[in-house]
Amino acid sequence: MEKDKVKKNWKQKFLHEFTEYWMNVIYMTLVFSVIIFYRRLVLAHYEIYLDDYFSGLLKALVIAKVVMIGAFLRISRKYEHKPLVFPVLYKAVLFTIWVMLFDILEIYIRAFIHAPSLVEAFHELKIHLTNVWLGGALLIFFSFIPFFAFKELVRVLGKEKVKELFLHKHAE
């Protein structure tokens, strides 16, 4: 009997983590893809064409895992005892920094693959870090606010209450 309970708890935990990961991926894929699509449209206006079709999905797959690892390591739990605005903004800032660090790492690795000199790769990275890059960081930060606000609502109110609020009809 005890073994069945442990097995069921393990399966439930796995299903919960799996579902949460893919919900994070879906949200982040939409956000990152919209940002990338907007960038492509702006650049196409100037006849500059990019072929980064799936980079939003790839970034979302990695960043969603980073967010889950951060949650697992409890690095983002600071301020959870305060009003919701504090943990939401704290997590939005913290994970925006994570995303931007990942972006820097990705740019550097890609540059190093194309120009296998550390100096050339660093120069390529330096060229990429512009006001446009900072604008992308702002877009990500502001997209993380509703993301973490929703997660905090679930944490505080409970999954069932939030589901009821969002998916059921209410009296006027």
N, C-alpha and C. Protein backbone atom coordinates (compact mmCIF):
# COMPACT_ATOMS: atom_id res chain seq x y z
N MET A 1 0.83 -1.19 0.00
CA MET A 1 0.00 0.00 0.00
C MET A 1 0.87 1.26 0.00
N GLU A 2 1.86 1.32 0.88
CA GLU A 2 2.77 2.47 0.96
C GLU A 2 3.54 2.64 -0.35
N LYS A 3 3.95 1.53 -0.97
CA LYS A 3 4.70 1.56 -2.22
C LYS A 3 3.84 2.16 -3.33
N ASP A 4 2.55 1.80 -3.37
CA ASP A 4 1.63 2.36 -4.36
C ASP A 4 1.48 3.86 -4.19
N LYS A 5 1.43 4.31 -2.93
CA LYS A 5 1.29 5.74 -2.65
C LYS A 5 2.53 6.51 -3.12
N VAL A 6 3.71 5.96 -2.86
CA VAL A 6 4.95 6.59 -3.30
C VAL A 6 5.00 6.64 -4.82
N LYS A 7 4.62 5.52 -5.47
CA LYS A 7 4.62 5.45 -6.92
C LYS A 7 3.63 6.47 -7.50
N LYS A 8 2.45 6.56 -6.91
CA LYS A 8 1.44 7.50 -7.36
C LYS A 8 1.94 8.94 -7.17
N ASN A 9 2.56 9.23 -6.03
CA ASN A 9 3.09 10.57 -5.79
C ASN A 9 4.18 10.91 -6.80
N TRP A 10 5.04 9.96 -7.12
CA TRP A 10 6.09 10.17 -8.10
C TRP A 10 5.48 10.46 -9.47
N LYS A 11 4.48 9.68 -9.84
CA LYS A 11 3.81 9.88 -11.13
C LYS A 11 3.10 11.22 -11.17
N GLN A 12 2.44 11.58 -10.08
CA GLN A 12 1.75 12.87 -10.02
C GLN A 12 2.75 14.02 -10.12
N LYS A 13 3.85 13.90 -9.42
CA LYS A 13 4.87 14.94 -9.44
C LYS A 13 5.45 15.07 -10.85
N PHE A 14 5.74 13.94 -11.48
CA PHE A 14 6.28 13.97 -12.84
C PHE A 14 5.28 14.62 -13.80
N LEU A 15 4.02 14.24 -13.70
CA LEU A 15 2.99 14.81 -14.57
C LEU A 15 2.84 16.31 -14.32
N HIS A 16 2.90 16.71 -13.06
CA HIS A 16 2.82 18.13 -12.73
C HIS A 16 3.99 18.90 -13.34
N GLU A 17 5.21 18.40 -13.15
CA GLU A 17 6.40 19.06 -13.69
C GLU A 17 6.37 19.10 -15.21
N PHE A 18 5.97 17.99 -15.82
CA PHE A 18 5.88 17.89 -17.27
C PHE A 18 4.88 18.91 -17.81
N THR A 19 3.72 18.98 -17.20
CA THR A 19 2.67 19.92 -17.62
C THR A 19 3.13 21.36 -17.43
N GLU A 20 3.71 21.65 -16.28
CA GLU A 20 4.17 23.01 -16.02
C GLU A 20 5.24 23.42 -17.03
N TYR A 21 6.17 22.52 -17.31
CA TYR A 21 7.22 22.82 -18.27
C TYR A 21 6.62 23.18 -19.63
N TRP A 22 5.70 22.38 -20.10
CA TRP A 22 5.14 22.62 -21.43
C TRP A 22 4.23 23.84 -21.46
N MET A 23 3.58 24.16 -20.37
CA MET A 23 2.81 25.41 -20.31
C MET A 23 3.76 26.61 -20.38
N ASN A 24 4.88 26.53 -19.67
CA ASN A 24 5.90 27.57 -19.74
C ASN A 24 6.45 27.70 -21.16
N VAL A 25 6.72 26.56 -21.79
CA VAL A 25 7.25 26.56 -23.16
C VAL A 25 6.26 27.22 -24.11
N ILE A 26 4.99 26.89 -23.99
CA ILE A 26 3.98 27.46 -24.89
C ILE A 26 3.93 28.98 -24.73
N TYR A 27 3.85 29.44 -23.49
CA TYR A 27 3.80 30.89 -23.26
C TYR A 27 5.06 31.57 -23.80
N MET A 28 6.21 31.03 -23.44
CA MET A 28 7.47 31.66 -23.86
C MET A 28 7.70 31.57 -25.36
N THR A 29 7.26 30.47 -25.98
CA THR A 29 7.38 30.36 -27.43
C THR A 29 6.57 31.45 -28.10
N LEU A 30 5.36 31.66 -27.62
CA LEU A 30 4.53 32.72 -28.19
C LEU A 30 5.19 34.08 -28.03
N VAL A 31 5.66 34.38 -26.83
CA VAL A 31 6.27 35.68 -26.57
C VAL A 31 7.54 35.87 -27.38
N PHE A 32 8.46 34.91 -27.31
CA PHE A 32 9.73 35.05 -28.03
C PHE A 32 9.51 35.07 -29.53
N SER A 33 8.58 34.27 -30.02
CA SER A 33 8.32 34.23 -31.46
C SER A 33 7.73 35.54 -31.95
N VAL A 34 6.86 36.15 -31.15
CA VAL A 34 6.30 37.45 -31.53
C VAL A 34 7.40 38.51 -31.57
N ILE A 35 8.28 38.48 -30.59
CA ILE A 35 9.39 39.45 -30.57
C ILE A 35 10.27 39.25 -31.80
N ILE A 36 10.61 38.01 -32.09
CA ILE A 36 11.47 37.70 -33.23
C ILE A 36 10.77 38.05 -34.54
N PHE A 37 9.48 37.75 -34.63
CA PHE A 37 8.73 38.07 -35.84
C PHE A 37 8.68 39.58 -36.05
N TYR A 38 8.46 40.33 -35.00
CA TYR A 38 8.45 41.79 -35.10
C TYR A 38 9.81 42.29 -35.60
N ARG A 39 10.87 41.75 -35.04
CA ARG A 39 12.22 42.15 -35.47
C ARG A 39 12.43 41.83 -36.95
N ARG A 40 11.96 40.66 -37.37
CA ARG A 40 12.09 40.27 -38.78
C ARG A 40 11.32 41.23 -39.68
N LEU A 41 10.12 41.64 -39.26
CA LEU A 41 9.32 42.57 -40.06
C LEU A 41 10.00 43.94 -40.17
N VAL A 42 10.52 44.42 -39.06
CA VAL A 42 11.20 45.72 -39.08
C VAL A 42 12.42 45.65 -40.00
N LEU A 43 13.21 44.61 -39.86
CA LEU A 43 14.41 44.49 -40.70
C LEU A 43 14.05 44.26 -42.17
N ALA A 44 12.98 43.53 -42.44
CA ALA A 44 12.55 43.31 -43.82
C ALA A 44 12.16 44.62 -44.48
N HIS A 45 11.65 45.54 -43.69
CA HIS A 45 11.33 46.87 -44.22
C HIS A 45 12.57 47.52 -44.83
N TYR A 46 13.72 47.22 -44.27
CA TYR A 46 14.99 47.75 -44.77
C TYR A 46 15.72 46.74 -45.65
N GLU A 47 14.97 45.75 -46.13
CA GLU A 47 15.47 44.70 -47.02
C GLU A 47 16.60 43.89 -46.39
N ILE A 48 16.47 43.66 -45.11
CA ILE A 48 17.38 42.77 -44.38
C ILE A 48 16.54 41.57 -43.97
N TYR A 49 16.92 40.39 -44.41
CA TYR A 49 16.10 39.20 -44.17
C TYR A 49 16.84 38.23 -43.26
N LEU A 50 16.14 37.75 -42.26
CA LEU A 50 16.70 36.80 -41.30
C LEU A 50 16.07 35.42 -41.51
N ASP A 51 16.79 34.41 -41.13
CA ASP A 51 16.26 33.05 -41.24
C ASP A 51 16.23 32.35 -39.88
N ASP A 52 15.81 33.09 -38.86
CA ASP A 52 15.76 32.56 -37.50
C ASP A 52 14.36 32.07 -37.16
N TYR A 53 13.80 31.22 -38.00
CA TYR A 53 12.41 30.80 -37.89
C TYR A 53 12.06 30.12 -36.56
N PHE A 54 12.93 29.28 -36.06
CA PHE A 54 12.58 28.49 -34.87
C PHE A 54 13.35 28.92 -33.62
N SER A 55 14.01 30.05 -33.68
CA SER A 55 14.80 30.46 -32.51
C SER A 55 13.90 30.78 -31.32
N GLY A 56 12.68 31.25 -31.54
CA GLY A 56 11.75 31.51 -30.43
C GLY A 56 11.42 30.23 -29.68
N LEU A 57 11.18 29.17 -30.43
CA LEU A 57 10.89 27.87 -29.81
C LEU A 57 12.12 27.33 -29.08
N LEU A 58 13.27 27.41 -29.71
CA LEU A 58 14.49 26.90 -29.07
C LEU A 58 14.80 27.66 -27.79
N LYS A 59 14.66 28.98 -27.83
CA LYS A 59 14.89 29.77 -26.62
C LYS A 59 13.87 29.40 -25.55
N ALA A 60 12.63 29.23 -25.95
CA ALA A 60 11.58 28.89 -24.98
C ALA A 60 11.86 27.54 -24.32
N LEU A 61 12.31 26.56 -25.09
CA LEU A 61 12.61 25.25 -24.52
C LEU A 61 13.67 25.35 -23.43
N VAL A 62 14.69 26.13 -23.69
CA VAL A 62 15.78 26.27 -22.72
C VAL A 62 15.36 27.15 -21.54
N ILE A 63 14.78 28.30 -21.83
CA ILE A 63 14.44 29.25 -20.77
C ILE A 63 13.37 28.69 -19.86
N ALA A 64 12.41 27.96 -20.40
CA ALA A 64 11.38 27.34 -19.55
C ALA A 64 12.04 26.36 -18.58
N LYS A 65 13.06 25.65 -19.03
CA LYS A 65 13.77 24.74 -18.14
C LYS A 65 14.58 25.53 -17.10
N VAL A 66 15.17 26.64 -17.50
CA VAL A 66 15.92 27.48 -16.56
C VAL A 66 14.98 28.01 -15.47
N VAL A 67 13.78 28.43 -15.87
CA VAL A 67 12.80 28.92 -14.90
C VAL A 67 12.43 27.81 -13.92
N MET A 68 12.23 26.60 -14.44
CA MET A 68 11.88 25.49 -13.56
C MET A 68 13.03 25.12 -12.63
N ILE A 69 14.25 25.17 -13.13
CA ILE A 69 15.41 24.89 -12.28
C ILE A 69 15.52 25.95 -11.20
N GLY A 70 15.31 27.21 -11.58
CA GLY A 70 15.32 28.30 -10.60
C GLY A 70 14.26 28.10 -9.52
N ALA A 71 13.08 27.66 -9.94
CA ALA A 71 12.01 27.38 -8.97
C ALA A 71 12.39 26.20 -8.08
N PHE A 72 12.98 25.17 -8.68
CA PHE A 72 13.39 24.00 -7.92
C PHE A 72 14.48 24.35 -6.90
N LEU A 73 15.42 25.19 -7.31
CA LEU A 73 16.50 25.61 -6.41
C LEU A 73 16.06 26.68 -5.42
N ARG A 74 14.84 27.16 -5.60
CA ARG A 74 14.25 28.16 -4.73
C ARG A 74 15.00 29.49 -4.74
N ILE A 75 15.65 29.79 -5.86
CA ILE A 75 16.38 31.07 -5.94
C ILE A 75 15.44 32.25 -6.10
N SER A 76 14.21 31.98 -6.48
CA SER A 76 13.28 33.07 -6.75
C SER A 76 12.21 33.20 -5.67
N ARG A 77 12.43 32.63 -4.51
CA ARG A 77 11.40 32.62 -3.47
C ARG A 77 11.44 33.85 -2.57
N LYS A 78 12.42 34.67 -2.77
CA LYS A 78 12.53 35.88 -1.96
C LYS A 78 11.28 36.73 -2.19
N TYR A 79 10.79 37.34 -1.19
CA TYR A 79 9.64 38.24 -1.22
C TYR A 79 8.29 37.54 -1.38
N GLU A 80 8.23 36.21 -1.32
CA GLU A 80 6.95 35.53 -1.48
C GLU A 80 6.00 35.77 -0.31
N HIS A 81 6.51 36.25 0.81
CA HIS A 81 5.68 36.56 1.97
C HIS A 81 5.13 37.99 1.90
N LYS A 82 5.56 38.75 0.91
CA LYS A 82 5.13 40.14 0.74
C LYS A 82 3.93 40.21 -0.20
N PRO A 83 3.34 41.40 -0.37
CA PRO A 83 2.26 41.54 -1.37
C PRO A 83 2.74 41.07 -2.75
N LEU A 84 1.82 40.55 -3.55
CA LEU A 84 2.17 39.89 -4.81
C LEU A 84 3.00 40.74 -5.76
N VAL A 85 2.88 42.04 -5.71
CA VAL A 85 3.63 42.89 -6.62
C VAL A 85 5.14 42.68 -6.44
N PHE A 86 5.58 42.43 -5.22
CA PHE A 86 7.02 42.27 -4.97
C PHE A 86 7.58 40.97 -5.54
N PRO A 87 7.00 39.80 -5.25
CA PRO A 87 7.57 38.59 -5.87
C PRO A 87 7.41 38.58 -7.39
N VAL A 88 6.35 39.17 -7.91
CA VAL A 88 6.16 39.20 -9.37
C VAL A 88 7.27 40.02 -10.02
N LEU A 89 7.50 41.22 -9.52
CA LEU A 89 8.53 42.08 -10.11
C LEU A 89 9.93 41.50 -9.88
N TYR A 90 10.16 40.94 -8.69
CA TYR A 90 11.46 40.33 -8.40
C TYR A 90 11.75 39.19 -9.38
N LYS A 91 10.77 38.31 -9.57
CA LYS A 91 10.96 37.17 -10.48
C LYS A 91 11.09 37.64 -11.93
N ALA A 92 10.34 38.67 -12.31
CA ALA A 92 10.45 39.19 -13.67
C ALA A 92 11.85 39.73 -13.92
N VAL A 93 12.40 40.46 -12.96
CA VAL A 93 13.76 40.99 -13.09
C VAL A 93 14.78 39.85 -13.09
N LEU A 94 14.68 38.97 -12.12
CA LEU A 94 15.63 37.86 -11.99
C LEU A 94 15.68 37.01 -13.25
N PHE A 95 14.52 36.62 -13.75
CA PHE A 95 14.51 35.73 -14.91
C PHE A 95 14.76 36.47 -16.22
N THR A 96 14.53 37.78 -16.25
CA THR A 96 14.95 38.55 -17.42
C THR A 96 16.47 38.54 -17.50
N ILE A 97 17.12 38.70 -16.37
CA ILE A 97 18.58 38.63 -16.34
C ILE A 97 19.05 37.26 -16.80
N TRP A 98 18.38 36.19 -16.33
CA TRP A 98 18.72 34.83 -16.77
C TRP A 98 18.61 34.71 -18.29
N VAL A 99 17.51 35.22 -18.85
CA VAL A 99 17.29 35.12 -20.30
C VAL A 99 18.38 35.89 -21.04
N MET A 100 18.70 37.07 -20.58
CA MET A 100 19.69 37.87 -21.27
C MET A 100 21.09 37.24 -21.16
N LEU A 101 21.39 36.63 -20.03
CA LEU A 101 22.66 35.92 -19.91
C LEU A 101 22.70 34.73 -20.87
N PHE A 102 21.59 34.02 -20.97
CA PHE A 102 21.51 32.92 -21.93
C PHE A 102 21.69 33.45 -23.35
N ASP A 103 21.10 34.58 -23.67
CA ASP A 103 21.22 35.16 -25.00
C ASP A 103 22.68 35.51 -25.30
N ILE A 104 23.36 36.10 -24.32
CA ILE A 104 24.77 36.43 -24.49
C ILE A 104 25.59 35.17 -24.73
N LEU A 105 25.32 34.14 -23.95
CA LEU A 105 26.03 32.87 -24.12
C LEU A 105 25.76 32.27 -25.50
N GLU A 106 24.51 32.30 -25.92
CA GLU A 106 24.15 31.77 -27.24
C GLU A 106 24.86 32.53 -28.36
N ILE A 107 24.87 33.85 -28.28
CA ILE A 107 25.53 34.68 -29.29
C ILE A 107 27.02 34.36 -29.33
N TYR A 108 27.61 34.25 -28.16
CA TYR A 108 29.05 33.99 -28.08
C TYR A 108 29.39 32.62 -28.67
N ILE A 109 28.61 31.61 -28.33
CA ILE A 109 28.87 30.26 -28.85
C ILE A 109 28.70 30.24 -30.36
N ARG A 110 27.62 30.86 -30.86
CA ARG A 110 27.39 30.91 -32.31
C ARG A 110 28.54 31.64 -33.00
N ALA A 111 28.99 32.75 -32.43
CA ALA A 111 30.11 33.51 -33.01
C ALA A 111 31.39 32.69 -32.97
N PHE A 112 31.59 31.96 -31.88
CA PHE A 112 32.80 31.13 -31.76
C PHE A 112 32.80 30.00 -32.78
N ILE A 113 31.63 29.45 -33.07
CA ILE A 113 31.54 28.38 -34.08
C ILE A 113 31.88 28.93 -35.46
N HIS A 114 31.41 30.12 -35.78
CA HIS A 114 31.67 30.71 -37.10
C HIS A 114 33.05 31.33 -37.20
N ALA A 115 33.59 31.81 -36.11
CA ALA A 115 34.92 32.42 -36.10
C ALA A 115 35.66 31.88 -34.89
N PRO A 116 36.31 30.72 -35.03
CA PRO A 116 36.88 30.04 -33.85
C PRO A 116 38.04 30.74 -33.17
N SER A 117 37.98 32.02 -33.09
CA SER A 117 38.94 32.78 -32.31
C SER A 117 38.17 33.46 -31.18
N LEU A 118 38.68 33.35 -29.98
CA LEU A 118 37.99 33.96 -28.84
C LEU A 118 37.83 35.46 -29.01
N VAL A 119 38.84 36.10 -29.56
CA VAL A 119 38.79 37.54 -29.76
C VAL A 119 37.72 37.91 -30.78
N GLU A 120 37.68 37.18 -31.91
CA GLU A 120 36.67 37.45 -32.94
C GLU A 120 35.26 37.18 -32.40
N ALA A 121 35.10 36.11 -31.64
CA ALA A 121 33.79 35.79 -31.06
C ALA A 121 33.36 36.88 -30.08
N PHE A 122 34.30 37.36 -29.29
CA PHE A 122 33.99 38.44 -28.35
C PHE A 122 33.61 39.72 -29.10
N HIS A 123 34.33 39.99 -30.19
CA HIS A 123 34.01 41.17 -31.00
C HIS A 123 32.60 41.04 -31.59
N GLU A 124 32.24 39.87 -32.06
CA GLU A 124 30.90 39.63 -32.60
C GLU A 124 29.84 39.83 -31.51
N LEU A 125 30.13 39.38 -30.31
CA LEU A 125 29.22 39.57 -29.18
C LEU A 125 29.05 41.06 -28.89
N LYS A 126 30.14 41.78 -28.89
CA LYS A 126 30.11 43.22 -28.62
C LYS A 126 29.26 43.95 -29.65
N ILE A 127 29.34 43.54 -30.90
CA ILE A 127 28.54 44.15 -31.96
C ILE A 127 27.05 43.90 -31.72
N HIS A 128 26.71 42.74 -31.18
CA HIS A 128 25.31 42.36 -30.98
C HIS A 128 24.65 43.09 -29.81
N LEU A 129 25.42 43.47 -28.82
CA LEU A 129 24.86 44.11 -27.62
C LEU A 129 24.63 45.60 -27.88
N THR A 130 23.45 45.90 -28.42
CA THR A 130 23.11 47.26 -28.81
C THR A 130 21.85 47.70 -28.06
N ASN A 131 21.36 48.86 -28.43
CA ASN A 131 20.09 49.34 -27.88
C ASN A 131 18.93 48.42 -28.26
N VAL A 132 19.03 47.81 -29.43
CA VAL A 132 18.00 46.86 -29.85
C VAL A 132 17.98 45.67 -28.90
N TRP A 133 19.14 45.20 -28.50
CA TRP A 133 19.25 44.09 -27.56
C TRP A 133 18.63 44.49 -26.21
N LEU A 134 18.92 45.71 -25.77
CA LEU A 134 18.33 46.21 -24.52
C LEU A 134 16.81 46.33 -24.65
N GLY A 135 16.34 46.74 -25.82
CA GLY A 135 14.90 46.80 -26.07
C GLY A 135 14.27 45.42 -25.97
N GLY A 136 14.98 44.41 -26.46
CA GLY A 136 14.50 43.02 -26.33
C GLY A 136 14.41 42.61 -24.87
N ALA A 137 15.38 43.05 -24.08
CA ALA A 137 15.34 42.75 -22.64
C ALA A 137 14.12 43.38 -21.99
N LEU A 138 13.78 44.58 -22.38
CA LEU A 138 12.58 45.24 -21.85
C LEU A 138 11.32 44.49 -22.25
N LEU A 139 11.26 44.05 -23.51
CA LEU A 139 10.10 43.28 -23.95
C LEU A 139 9.95 41.99 -23.15
N ILE A 140 11.06 41.33 -22.91
CA ILE A 140 11.02 40.09 -22.13
C ILE A 140 10.61 40.38 -20.69
N PHE A 141 11.17 41.42 -20.11
CA PHE A 141 10.79 41.79 -18.74
C PHE A 141 9.29 42.02 -18.62
N PHE A 142 8.74 42.82 -19.53
CA PHE A 142 7.32 43.12 -19.45
C PHE A 142 6.44 41.92 -19.81
N SER A 143 6.96 40.99 -20.59
CA SER A 143 6.19 39.76 -20.85
C SER A 143 6.25 38.80 -19.67
N PHE A 144 7.30 38.91 -18.86
CA PHE A 144 7.41 38.06 -17.67
C PHE A 144 6.49 38.54 -16.54
N ILE A 145 6.09 39.78 -16.54
CA ILE A 145 5.21 40.27 -15.47
C ILE A 145 3.90 39.49 -15.43
N PRO A 146 3.14 39.38 -16.55
CA PRO A 146 1.91 38.57 -16.46
C PRO A 146 2.19 37.09 -16.24
N PHE A 147 3.31 36.60 -16.77
CA PHE A 147 3.70 35.21 -16.58
C PHE A 147 3.85 34.89 -15.10
N PHE A 148 4.63 35.70 -14.39
CA PHE A 148 4.85 35.44 -12.98
C PHE A 148 3.67 35.89 -12.12
N ALA A 149 2.90 36.86 -12.59
CA ALA A 149 1.69 37.25 -11.85
C ALA A 149 0.72 36.08 -11.83
N PHE A 150 0.56 35.41 -12.95
CA PHE A 150 -0.32 34.25 -13.01
C PHE A 150 0.20 33.13 -12.10
N LYS A 151 1.50 32.88 -12.15
CA LYS A 151 2.09 31.84 -11.30
C LYS A 151 1.91 32.17 -9.81
N GLU A 152 2.04 33.43 -9.46
CA GLU A 152 1.86 33.84 -8.07
C GLU A 152 0.40 33.71 -7.65
N LEU A 153 -0.51 34.03 -8.54
CA LEU A 153 -1.93 33.82 -8.23
C LEU A 153 -2.22 32.35 -7.95
N VAL A 154 -1.66 31.48 -8.75
CA VAL A 154 -1.84 30.04 -8.54
C VAL A 154 -1.23 29.64 -7.20
N ARG A 155 -0.06 30.17 -6.89
CA ARG A 155 0.60 29.83 -5.62
C ARG A 155 -0.24 30.27 -4.43
N VAL A 156 -0.79 31.48 -4.50
CA VAL A 156 -1.52 32.05 -3.36
C VAL A 156 -2.95 31.53 -3.28
N LEU A 157 -3.66 31.52 -4.39
CA LEU A 157 -5.07 31.13 -4.38
C LEU A 157 -5.29 29.63 -4.55
N GLY A 158 -4.34 28.96 -5.15
CA GLY A 158 -4.49 27.54 -5.43
C GLY A 158 -4.92 27.33 -6.88
N LYS A 159 -4.52 26.21 -7.41
CA LYS A 159 -4.77 25.89 -8.81
C LYS A 159 -6.26 25.83 -9.13
N GLU A 160 -7.02 25.21 -8.26
CA GLU A 160 -8.46 25.03 -8.52
C GLU A 160 -9.20 26.37 -8.52
N LYS A 161 -8.87 27.24 -7.59
CA LYS A 161 -9.53 28.55 -7.51
C LYS A 161 -9.22 29.38 -8.76
N VAL A 162 -7.96 29.37 -9.19
CA VAL A 162 -7.58 30.13 -10.38
C VAL A 162 -8.26 29.55 -11.62
N LYS A 163 -8.31 28.22 -11.69
CA LYS A 163 -8.99 27.57 -12.81
C LYS A 163 -10.46 27.97 -12.83
N GLU A 164 -11.09 28.00 -11.68
CA GLU A 164 -12.49 28.41 -11.58
C GLU A 164 -12.67 29.86 -12.02
N LEU A 165 -11.78 30.74 -11.56
CA LEU A 165 -11.86 32.15 -11.92
C LEU A 165 -11.72 32.39 -13.43
N PHE A 166 -10.82 31.64 -14.08
CA PHE A 166 -10.54 31.87 -15.48
C PHE A 166 -11.41 31.07 -16.44
N LEU A 167 -11.92 29.93 -16.00
CA LEU A 167 -12.60 29.05 -16.94
C LEU A 167 -14.09 28.84 -16.68
N HIS A 168 -14.62 29.42 -15.63
CA HIS A 168 -16.04 29.23 -15.34
C HIS A 168 -16.77 30.55 -15.40
N LYS A 169 -18.03 30.48 -15.77
CA LYS A 169 -18.88 31.65 -15.84
C LYS A 169 -19.21 32.15 -14.43
N HIS A 170 -19.25 33.47 -14.28
CA HIS A 170 -19.52 34.08 -12.98
C HIS A 170 -20.81 34.88 -13.04
N ALA A 171 -21.47 34.97 -11.91
CA ALA A 171 -22.68 35.79 -11.83
C ALA A 171 -22.32 37.26 -11.90
N GLU A 172 -23.19 38.04 -12.48
CA GLU A 172 -22.92 39.49 -12.63
C GLU A 172 -23.27 40.25 -11.41
